[in-house]
N, C-alpha and C. Protein backbone atom coordinates (compact mmCIF):
# COMPACT_ATOMS: atom_id res chain seq x y z
N MET A 1 202.51 105.05 65.62
CA MET A 1 202.42 106.29 66.35
C MET A 1 201.71 107.38 65.70
N ASN A 2 202.34 107.76 64.45
CA ASN A 2 201.55 108.86 63.76
C ASN A 2 200.92 108.32 62.44
N GLU A 3 200.02 107.53 62.58
CA GLU A 3 199.56 106.76 61.39
C GLU A 3 198.92 107.60 60.29
N ASN A 4 198.31 108.79 60.63
CA ASN A 4 197.60 109.47 59.52
C ASN A 4 198.43 110.76 59.09
N LYS A 5 199.73 110.84 59.51
CA LYS A 5 200.65 111.92 58.99
C LYS A 5 201.68 111.27 58.07
N GLU A 6 202.28 112.04 57.30
CA GLU A 6 203.21 111.55 56.36
C GLU A 6 204.67 112.32 56.71
N CYS A 7 205.66 111.72 56.20
CA CYS A 7 206.96 112.16 56.41
C CYS A 7 207.08 113.68 55.78
N ASP A 8 207.87 114.45 56.67
CA ASP A 8 208.02 115.85 56.33
C ASP A 8 209.31 116.15 55.49
N VAL A 9 209.86 114.98 55.10
CA VAL A 9 211.08 115.33 54.20
C VAL A 9 210.55 115.61 52.63
N GLN A 10 211.13 116.52 52.18
CA GLN A 10 210.80 116.97 50.76
C GLN A 10 210.80 115.77 49.90
N GLY A 11 209.63 115.55 49.16
CA GLY A 11 209.53 114.43 48.13
C GLY A 11 209.17 113.07 48.69
N CYS A 12 208.98 112.89 49.94
CA CYS A 12 208.66 111.63 50.63
C CYS A 12 207.20 111.57 50.90
N LYS A 13 206.53 110.52 50.54
CA LYS A 13 205.14 110.35 50.95
C LYS A 13 204.85 109.18 51.83
N ASN A 14 205.88 108.64 52.38
CA ASN A 14 205.62 107.43 53.31
C ASN A 14 205.01 107.98 54.74
N PRO A 15 204.23 107.05 55.29
CA PRO A 15 203.68 107.43 56.75
C PRO A 15 204.75 107.72 57.72
N ALA A 16 204.47 108.67 58.57
CA ALA A 16 205.28 109.06 59.59
C ALA A 16 205.35 107.90 60.70
N PHE A 17 206.72 107.83 61.17
CA PHE A 17 207.03 106.87 62.08
C PHE A 17 207.45 107.52 63.53
N LYS A 18 208.13 108.48 63.52
CA LYS A 18 208.59 109.26 64.63
C LYS A 18 208.62 110.74 64.38
N SER A 19 208.73 111.49 65.46
CA SER A 19 208.87 112.92 65.33
C SER A 19 210.29 113.34 66.08
N VAL A 20 210.96 114.14 65.34
CA VAL A 20 212.25 114.69 65.93
C VAL A 20 212.27 116.24 65.86
N SER A 21 213.20 116.78 66.55
CA SER A 21 213.46 118.15 66.61
C SER A 21 213.63 118.75 65.16
N ARG A 22 212.99 119.95 64.91
CA ARG A 22 213.06 120.52 63.56
C ARG A 22 214.59 120.98 63.31
N GLU A 23 215.06 121.61 64.38
CA GLU A 23 216.57 122.11 64.31
C GLU A 23 217.51 121.00 63.87
N LYS A 24 217.52 119.95 64.50
CA LYS A 24 218.38 118.86 64.17
C LYS A 24 218.14 118.23 62.86
N ALA A 25 216.96 118.13 62.60
CA ALA A 25 216.47 117.53 61.11
C ALA A 25 216.82 118.38 60.04
N LYS A 26 216.71 119.73 60.14
CA LYS A 26 217.00 120.66 59.03
C LYS A 26 218.47 120.51 58.58
N GLU A 27 219.29 120.15 59.58
CA GLU A 27 220.71 120.03 59.15
C GLU A 27 221.09 118.92 58.16
N ILE A 28 220.05 117.99 58.14
CA ILE A 28 220.31 116.72 57.41
C ILE A 28 219.37 116.62 56.09
N PHE A 29 218.19 117.05 56.27
CA PHE A 29 217.05 116.92 55.33
C PHE A 29 216.61 118.25 54.87
N SER A 30 216.00 118.23 53.58
CA SER A 30 215.13 119.41 53.17
C SER A 30 213.73 119.23 53.57
N LEU A 31 213.19 120.00 54.35
CA LEU A 31 211.94 119.75 54.89
C LEU A 31 210.90 120.57 54.19
N LYS A 32 209.58 120.04 54.29
CA LYS A 32 208.45 120.72 53.59
C LYS A 32 207.39 121.26 54.49
N SER A 33 207.61 121.33 55.88
CA SER A 33 206.67 121.87 56.79
C SER A 33 207.32 122.74 57.81
N GLU A 34 206.48 123.48 58.62
CA GLU A 34 206.95 124.31 59.62
C GLU A 34 206.51 123.72 60.97
N GLY A 35 207.18 124.25 61.99
CA GLY A 35 206.89 123.88 63.32
C GLY A 35 208.07 123.44 64.09
N ARG A 36 207.82 123.18 65.46
CA ARG A 36 209.04 122.72 66.16
C ARG A 36 209.50 121.34 66.02
N ARG A 37 208.70 120.40 65.60
CA ARG A 37 208.93 119.06 65.48
C ARG A 37 208.56 118.46 64.06
N VAL A 38 209.32 117.68 63.49
CA VAL A 38 209.00 117.16 62.21
C VAL A 38 208.78 115.67 62.30
N HIS A 39 207.90 115.04 61.38
CA HIS A 39 207.74 113.72 61.32
C HIS A 39 208.54 113.12 60.30
N LEU A 40 209.13 111.98 60.66
CA LEU A 40 209.94 111.33 59.64
C LEU A 40 209.39 109.76 59.62
N CYS A 41 209.52 109.17 58.25
CA CYS A 41 209.23 107.91 58.10
C CYS A 41 210.28 106.92 58.61
N LYS A 42 210.18 105.65 58.61
CA LYS A 42 211.06 104.69 59.09
C LYS A 42 212.46 104.94 58.58
N GLU A 43 212.53 105.11 57.14
CA GLU A 43 213.73 105.11 56.36
C GLU A 43 214.44 106.33 56.75
N HIS A 44 213.77 107.51 56.75
CA HIS A 44 214.48 108.83 57.03
C HIS A 44 214.80 108.94 58.56
N TYR A 45 214.03 108.18 59.42
CA TYR A 45 214.44 108.30 60.75
C TYR A 45 215.63 107.44 61.09
N LYS A 46 215.88 106.30 60.34
CA LYS A 46 217.14 105.50 60.43
C LYS A 46 218.24 106.27 60.01
N GLU A 47 218.10 106.88 58.88
CA GLU A 47 219.24 107.83 58.36
C GLU A 47 219.59 108.91 59.24
N PHE A 48 218.42 109.63 59.97
CA PHE A 48 218.65 110.51 61.01
C PHE A 48 219.43 110.02 62.18
N LYS A 49 219.14 108.89 62.59
CA LYS A 49 219.89 108.21 63.81
C LYS A 49 221.37 107.98 63.32
N LYS A 50 221.66 107.50 62.16
CA LYS A 50 222.93 107.34 61.75
C LYS A 50 223.86 108.56 61.61
N LYS A 51 223.21 109.62 61.07
CA LYS A 51 224.02 110.95 60.90
C LYS A 51 224.18 111.70 62.15
N THR A 52 223.33 111.42 63.33
CA THR A 52 223.46 112.14 64.42
C THR A 52 224.03 111.31 65.59
N LYS A 53 224.45 110.10 65.28
CA LYS A 53 224.96 109.16 66.26
C LYS A 53 226.05 109.77 67.19
N LYS A 54 227.02 110.40 66.69
CA LYS A 54 228.13 110.91 67.42
C LYS A 54 227.66 112.07 68.23
N GLU A 55 226.80 112.91 67.63
CA GLU A 55 226.27 114.04 68.49
C GLU A 55 225.49 113.68 69.81
N ARG A 56 224.70 112.57 69.49
CA ARG A 56 223.87 111.91 70.62
C ARG A 56 224.69 111.35 71.60
N GLU A 57 225.81 110.63 71.26
CA GLU A 57 226.77 110.12 72.28
C GLU A 57 227.33 111.11 73.16
N ILE A 58 227.70 112.19 72.59
CA ILE A 58 228.39 113.36 73.32
C ILE A 58 227.31 113.94 74.26
N GLU A 59 226.15 114.18 73.89
CA GLU A 59 225.05 114.73 74.69
C GLU A 59 224.86 113.75 75.85
N ARG A 60 224.81 112.41 75.63
CA ARG A 60 224.55 111.55 76.73
C ARG A 60 225.66 111.51 77.71
N LEU A 61 226.93 111.79 77.35
CA LEU A 61 227.96 111.65 78.29
C LEU A 61 228.07 113.02 79.06
N GLY A 62 227.29 114.10 78.71
CA GLY A 62 227.29 115.35 79.36
C GLY A 62 228.38 116.44 79.10
N TRP A 63 229.21 116.24 77.91
CA TRP A 63 230.33 116.97 77.71
C TRP A 63 229.92 118.31 77.13
N VAL A 64 228.86 118.32 76.43
CA VAL A 64 228.42 119.48 75.75
C VAL A 64 227.16 120.15 76.39
N ARG A 65 227.10 121.34 76.74
CA ARG A 65 225.95 121.75 77.39
C ARG A 65 225.54 123.12 76.70
């Protein structure tokens, strides 16, 4: 997807795999770039998904608006 970009997590040099909302990512990671979206490598994206699983389930159900 983002072959020529690298992960925006502080200290990570891996290639970017997915981009996610900066607001949600900054709750979990220390980030090194600015902007609305941040790029995460495969490992950090997997960690992001694990740590936001409950929140994403609630959003899908429509309980939180």
